[in-house]
């Protein structure tokens, strides 16, 4: 009981939003339905539209709103990180929590990535307009996962959405204190 009281006290002492940041892992962003194992897209906008469709289903925000916000963010600079990976993201008014959608493309596409290589793994992230720290924490978690070569190789080798979901959500879960 004493340890329960301590954790409540520690959580209560954190700044607003900090509790969620410390516990955030990829499973808080994705659902099995938001993972596409074999996306057949031939262009960046087509891939973003399909991911926005999945994110819309999870978030309740209209697909067009998501595509427009992500496309505006892409105009500021590509979210193609290199190594065949992109993490398009945007903040949206009216959204109440963070959501993600993931796709493994059958054929890599041009994404204006920093290394000029085509992209075959895309993790879209949408966040509430005021989710500063949470948004950055989520981006950091996703980026860390996508930089793990072993994880990326396993994802690229899989054509099963449930398996990809398990790989992504099982990656480096934060340990309870």
C-alpha atoms as a PDB file:
ATOM      1  CA  UNK A   1       0.000   0.000   0.000  1.00  0.00           C
ATOM      2  CA  UNK A   2       2.840   2.392   0.830  1.00  0.00           C
ATOM      3  CA  UNK A   3       4.373   1.954  -2.633  1.00  0.00           C
ATOM      4  CA  UNK A   4       0.967   2.703  -4.212  1.00  0.00           C
ATOM      5  CA  UNK A   5       0.734   5.910  -2.186  1.00  0.00           C
ATOM      6  CA  UNK A   6       4.272   6.877  -3.244  1.00  0.00           C
ATOM      7  CA  UNK A   7       3.545   6.368  -6.944  1.00  0.00           C
ATOM      8  CA  UNK A   8       0.373   8.460  -6.640  1.00  0.00           C
ATOM      9  CA  UNK A   9       2.356  11.201  -4.945  1.00  0.00           C
ATOM     10  CA  UNK A  10       5.122  11.059  -7.545  1.00  0.00           C
ATOM     11  CA  UNK A  11       2.604  11.165 -10.426  1.00  0.00           C
ATOM     12  CA  UNK A  12       0.698  14.034  -8.856  1.00  0.00           C
ATOM     13  CA  UNK A  13       3.919  16.057  -8.495  1.00  0.00           C
ATOM     14  CA  UNK A  14       4.697  15.877 -12.210  1.00  0.00           C
ATOM     15  CA  UNK A  15       3.879  18.809 -14.478  1.00  0.00           C
ATOM     16  CA  UNK A  16       0.697  18.440 -16.580  1.00  0.00           C
ATOM     17  CA  UNK A  17       1.240  15.938 -19.378  1.00  0.00           C
ATOM     18  CA  UNK A  18       4.515  14.648 -17.924  1.00  0.00           C
ATOM     19  CA  UNK A  19       2.914  11.510 -16.461  1.00  0.00           C
ATOM     20  CA  UNK A  20       1.702  10.480 -19.917  1.00  0.00           C
ATOM     21  CA  UNK A  21       5.078  11.274 -21.498  1.00  0.00           C
ATOM     22  CA  UNK A  22       6.996   9.046 -19.111  1.00  0.00           C
ATOM     23  CA  UNK A  23       4.661   6.098 -19.752  1.00  0.00           C
ATOM     24  CA  UNK A  24       4.154   6.642 -23.480  1.00  0.00           C
ATOM     25  CA  UNK A  25       5.127   3.781 -25.704  1.00  0.00           C
ATOM     26  CA  UNK A  26       4.193   2.890 -29.239  1.00  0.00           C
ATOM     27  CA  UNK A  27       1.224   0.800 -28.082  1.00  0.00           C
ATOM     28  CA  UNK A  28      -0.427   4.044 -26.911  1.00  0.00           C
ATOM     29  CA  UNK A  29      -0.190   5.385 -30.470  1.00  0.00           C
ATOM     30  CA  UNK A  30      -1.097   2.389 -32.628  1.00  0.00           C
ATOM     31  CA  UNK A  31      -3.879  -0.139 -32.846  1.00  0.00           C
ATOM     32  CA  UNK A  32      -3.643  -3.340 -34.873  1.00  0.00           C
ATOM     33  CA  UNK A  33      -6.060  -1.815 -37.415  1.00  0.00           C
ATOM     34  CA  UNK A  34      -3.731   1.112 -38.014  1.00  0.00           C
ATOM     35  CA  UNK A  35      -0.916  -1.084 -39.359  1.00  0.00           C
ATOM     36  CA  UNK A  36      -0.693  -1.837 -43.084  1.00  0.00           C
ATOM     37  CA  UNK A  37       1.677  -4.674 -43.927  1.00  0.00           C
ATOM     38  CA  UNK A  38       1.664  -4.396 -47.718  1.00  0.00           C
ATOM     39  CA  UNK A  39       0.736  -0.914 -48.872  1.00  0.00           C
ATOM     40  CA  UNK A  40       0.753  -0.573 -52.635  1.00  0.00           C
ATOM     41  CA  UNK A  41       1.331   3.139 -53.157  1.00  0.00           C
ATOM     42  CA  UNK A  42       3.212   4.702 -56.035  1.00  0.00           C
ATOM     43  CA  UNK A  43       3.556   8.244 -54.660  1.00  0.00           C
ATOM     44  CA  UNK A  44       4.057  10.075 -51.389  1.00  0.00           C
ATOM     45  CA  UNK A  45       0.617  11.698 -51.396  1.00  0.00           C
ATOM     46  CA  UNK A  46      -1.094   8.363 -52.073  1.00  0.00           C
ATOM     47  CA  UNK A  47       0.730   6.751 -49.136  1.00  0.00           C
ATOM     48  CA  UNK A  48      -0.163   9.680 -46.855  1.00  0.00           C
ATOM     49  CA  UNK A  49      -3.819   9.433 -47.877  1.00  0.00           C
ATOM     50  CA  UNK A  50      -3.993   5.749 -46.989  1.00  0.00           C
ATOM     51  CA  UNK A  51      -2.297   6.344 -43.640  1.00  0.00           C
ATOM     52  CA  UNK A  52      -4.630   9.296 -42.978  1.00  0.00           C
ATOM     53  CA  UNK A  53      -7.580   6.998 -43.658  1.00  0.00           C
ATOM     54  CA  UNK A  54      -6.342   4.642 -40.930  1.00  0.00           C
ATOM     55  CA  UNK A  55      -5.574   7.518 -38.551  1.00  0.00           C
ATOM     56  CA  UNK A  56      -9.031   8.990 -39.170  1.00  0.00           C
ATOM     57  CA  UNK A  57     -10.680   5.718 -38.220  1.00  0.00           C
ATOM     58  CA  UNK A  58      -8.741   5.677 -34.942  1.00  0.00           C
ATOM     59  CA  UNK A  59      -9.044   9.357 -34.064  1.00  0.00           C
ATOM     60  CA  UNK A  60     -12.433  10.429 -35.362  1.00  0.00           C
ATOM     61  CA  UNK A  61     -10.852  13.327 -37.255  1.00  0.00           C
ATOM     62  CA  UNK A  62     -11.780  13.571 -40.930  1.00  0.00           C
ATOM     63  CA  UNK A  63      -9.253  12.000 -43.304  1.00  0.00           C
ATOM     64  CA  UNK A  64      -8.986  15.183 -45.438  1.00  0.00           C
ATOM     65  CA  UNK A  65      -8.130  17.239 -42.324  1.00  0.00           C
ATOM     66  CA  UNK A  66      -5.301  14.842 -41.504  1.00  0.00           C
ATOM     67  CA  UNK A  67      -3.931  14.737 -45.057  1.00  0.00           C
ATOM     68  CA  UNK A  68      -4.010  18.542 -45.319  1.00  0.00           C
ATOM     69  CA  UNK A  69      -2.215  19.036 -41.990  1.00  0.00           C
ATOM     70  CA  UNK A  70       0.450  16.416 -42.735  1.00  0.00           C
ATOM     71  CA  UNK A  71       0.955  17.782 -46.256  1.00  0.00           C
ATOM     72  CA  UNK A  72       1.411  21.305 -44.863  1.00  0.00           C
ATOM     73  CA  UNK A  73       4.046  19.949 -42.464  1.00  0.00           C
ATOM     74  CA  UNK A  74       5.796  18.183 -45.364  1.00  0.00           C
ATOM     75  CA  UNK A  75       6.017  21.528 -47.191  1.00  0.00           C
ATOM     76  CA  UNK A  76       8.197  22.808 -44.337  1.00  0.00           C
ATOM     77  CA  UNK A  77      10.655  19.977 -44.918  1.00  0.00           C
ATOM     78  CA  UNK A  78      10.437  16.312 -45.674  1.00  0.00           C
ATOM     79  CA  UNK A  79       9.945  13.919 -42.794  1.00  0.00           C
ATOM     80  CA  UNK A  80      11.890  11.284 -44.730  1.00  0.00           C
ATOM     81  CA  UNK A  81      14.638  10.538 -42.208  1.00  0.00           C
ATOM     82  CA  UNK A  82      16.827   8.414 -44.416  1.00  0.00           C
ATOM     83  CA  UNK A  83      17.414   4.707 -44.527  1.00  0.00           C
ATOM     84  CA  UNK A  84      14.040   4.146 -46.186  1.00  0.00           C
ATOM     85  CA  UNK A  85      12.085   5.561 -43.227  1.00  0.00           C
ATOM     86  CA  UNK A  86       9.674   8.490 -42.898  1.00  0.00           C
ATOM     87  CA  UNK A  87       7.754   9.824 -39.914  1.00  0.00           C
ATOM     88  CA  UNK A  88       5.215  12.324 -41.253  1.00  0.00           C
ATOM     89  CA  UNK A  89       3.467  14.154 -38.446  1.00  0.00           C
ATOM     90  CA  UNK A  90       1.197  17.070 -37.662  1.00  0.00           C
ATOM     91  CA  UNK A  91      -0.692  18.752 -34.850  1.00  0.00           C
ATOM     92  CA  UNK A  92      -4.441  19.064 -35.307  1.00  0.00           C
ATOM     93  CA  UNK A  93      -7.063  21.217 -33.592  1.00  0.00           C
ATOM     94  CA  UNK A  94      -9.897  19.221 -32.068  1.00  0.00           C
ATOM     95  CA  UNK A  95      -7.816  16.086 -31.542  1.00  0.00           C
ATOM     96  CA  UNK A  96      -7.801  14.872 -27.929  1.00  0.00           C
ATOM     97  CA  UNK A  97      -4.981  12.322 -27.980  1.00  0.00           C
ATOM     98  CA  UNK A  98      -2.050  11.166 -30.092  1.00  0.00           C
ATOM     99  CA  UNK A  99      -2.616   8.578 -32.810  1.00  0.00           C
ATOM    100  CA  UNK A 100      -0.378   6.774 -35.237  1.00  0.00           C
ATOM    101  CA  UNK A 101      -0.622   4.694 -38.377  1.00  0.00           C
ATOM    102  CA  UNK A 102       2.125   2.560 -39.873  1.00  0.00           C
ATOM    103  CA  UNK A 103       2.740   1.158 -43.341  1.00  0.00           C
ATOM    104  CA  UNK A 104       5.309  -1.137 -44.902  1.00  0.00           C
ATOM    105  CA  UNK A 105       5.272  -0.406 -48.611  1.00  0.00           C
ATOM    106  CA  UNK A 106       5.531  -3.206 -51.151  1.00  0.00           C
ATOM    107  CA  UNK A 107       7.647  -0.966 -53.383  1.00  0.00           C
ATOM    108  CA  UNK A 108       9.645   1.970 -51.966  1.00  0.00           C
ATOM    109  CA  UNK A 109       8.558   5.457 -53.053  1.00  0.00           C
ATOM    110  CA  UNK A 110      10.241   8.827 -53.391  1.00  0.00           C
ATOM    111  CA  UNK A 111       9.681  10.818 -50.193  1.00  0.00           C
ATOM    112  CA  UNK A 112      12.280  13.586 -50.627  1.00  0.00           C
ATOM    113  CA  UNK A 113      14.236  11.946 -47.813  1.00  0.00           C
ATOM    114  CA  UNK A 114      17.427  13.528 -46.502  1.00  0.00           C
ATOM    115  CA  UNK A 115      19.527  10.755 -48.071  1.00  0.00           C
ATOM    116  CA  UNK A 116      17.540  10.807 -51.354  1.00  0.00           C
ATOM    117  CA  UNK A 117      16.713   7.105 -50.900  1.00  0.00           C
ATOM    118  CA  UNK A 118      13.155   5.903 -51.472  1.00  0.00           C
ATOM    119  CA  UNK A 119      11.031   5.112 -48.421  1.00  0.00           C
ATOM    120  CA  UNK A 120       9.379   1.787 -47.613  1.00  0.00           C
ATOM    121  CA  UNK A 121       8.480   2.274 -43.914  1.00  0.00           C
ATOM    122  CA  UNK A 122       6.185   5.132 -42.883  1.00  0.00           C
ATOM    123  CA  UNK A 123       4.934   5.906 -39.387  1.00  0.00           C
ATOM    124  CA  UNK A 124       2.376   8.746 -39.422  1.00  0.00           C
ATOM    125  CA  UNK A 125       1.800  10.546 -36.140  1.00  0.00           C
ATOM    126  CA  UNK A 126      -0.977  13.018 -35.391  1.00  0.00           C
ATOM    127  CA  UNK A 127      -1.210  14.974 -32.163  1.00  0.00           C
ATOM    128  CA  UNK A 128      -3.508  17.504 -30.509  1.00  0.00           C
ATOM    129  CA  UNK A 129      -2.634  21.096 -31.324  1.00  0.00           C
ATOM    130  CA  UNK A 130      -1.399  21.802 -27.777  1.00  0.00           C
ATOM    131  CA  UNK A 131       0.492  18.534 -27.249  1.00  0.00           C
ATOM    132  CA  UNK A 132       3.989  20.003 -27.218  1.00  0.00           C
ATOM    133  CA  UNK A 133       5.869  17.646 -24.880  1.00  0.00           C
ATOM    134  CA  UNK A 134       3.714  14.609 -25.680  1.00  0.00           C
ATOM    135  CA  UNK A 135       4.151  15.159 -29.414  1.00  0.00           C
ATOM    136  CA  UNK A 136       7.930  15.429 -29.088  1.00  0.00           C
ATOM    137  CA  UNK A 137       8.089  12.397 -26.791  1.00  0.00           C
ATOM    138  CA  UNK A 138       6.060  10.339 -29.259  1.00  0.00           C
ATOM    139  CA  UNK A 139       8.279  11.449 -32.147  1.00  0.00           C
ATOM    140  CA  UNK A 140      11.357  10.497 -30.141  1.00  0.00           C
ATOM    141  CA  UNK A 141       9.970   7.040 -29.299  1.00  0.00           C
ATOM    142  CA  UNK A 142       9.023   6.328 -32.898  1.00  0.00           C
ATOM    143  CA  UNK A 143      12.343   7.658 -34.184  1.00  0.00           C
ATOM    144  CA  UNK A 144      14.279   5.527 -31.697  1.00  0.00           C
ATOM    145  CA  UNK A 145      12.376   2.439 -32.807  1.00  0.00           C
ATOM    146  CA  UNK A 146      12.903   3.198 -36.479  1.00  0.00           C
ATOM    147  CA  UNK A 147      16.654   3.604 -35.934  1.00  0.00           C
ATOM    148  CA  UNK A 148      16.907   0.093 -34.478  1.00  0.00           C
ATOM    149  CA  UNK A 149      18.348  -1.965 -37.347  1.00  0.00           C
ATOM    150  CA  UNK A 150      17.188  -5.308 -35.970  1.00  0.00           C
ATOM    151  CA  UNK A 151      13.609  -4.076 -35.572  1.00  0.00           C
ATOM    152  CA  UNK A 152      13.582  -2.502 -39.030  1.00  0.00           C
ATOM    153  CA  UNK A 153      14.933  -5.683 -40.640  1.00  0.00           C
ATOM    154  CA  UNK A 154      12.217  -7.750 -38.949  1.00  0.00           C
ATOM    155  CA  UNK A 155       9.514  -5.324 -40.071  1.00  0.00           C
ATOM    156  CA  UNK A 156      10.804  -5.361 -43.642  1.00  0.00           C
ATOM    157  CA  UNK A 157      10.818  -9.169 -43.608  1.00  0.00           C
ATOM    158  CA  UNK A 158       7.202  -9.383 -42.428  1.00  0.00           C
ATOM    159  CA  UNK A 159       4.097  -9.253 -44.571  1.00  0.00           C
ATOM    160  CA  UNK A 160       1.709  -9.718 -41.644  1.00  0.00           C
ATOM    161  CA  UNK A 161       0.113  -6.653 -40.024  1.00  0.00           C
ATOM    162  CA  UNK A 162      -0.350  -8.361 -36.646  1.00  0.00           C
ATOM    163  CA  UNK A 163       3.317  -9.376 -36.585  1.00  0.00           C
ATOM    164  CA  UNK A 164       4.424  -5.842 -37.474  1.00  0.00           C
ATOM    165  CA  UNK A 165       2.144  -4.432 -34.775  1.00  0.00           C
ATOM    166  CA  UNK A 166       3.673  -6.828 -32.234  1.00  0.00           C
ATOM    167  CA  UNK A 167       7.193  -5.844 -33.297  1.00  0.00           C
ATOM    168  CA  UNK A 168       6.474  -2.118 -33.053  1.00  0.00           C
ATOM    169  CA  UNK A 169       4.592  -2.258 -29.762  1.00  0.00           C
ATOM    170  CA  UNK A 170       7.082  -4.629 -28.184  1.00  0.00           C
ATOM    171  CA  UNK A 171      10.063  -2.411 -28.945  1.00  0.00           C
ATOM    172  CA  UNK A 172      11.799  -1.017 -25.832  1.00  0.00           C
ATOM    173  CA  UNK A 173       8.757  -0.531 -23.661  1.00  0.00           C
ATOM    174  CA  UNK A 174       9.533   1.845 -20.815  1.00  0.00           C
ATOM    175  CA  UNK A 175      10.194  -0.080 -17.599  1.00  0.00           C
ATOM    176  CA  UNK A 176       7.976   0.567 -14.598  1.00  0.00           C
ATOM    177  CA  UNK A 177       9.793   2.158 -11.693  1.00  0.00           C
END
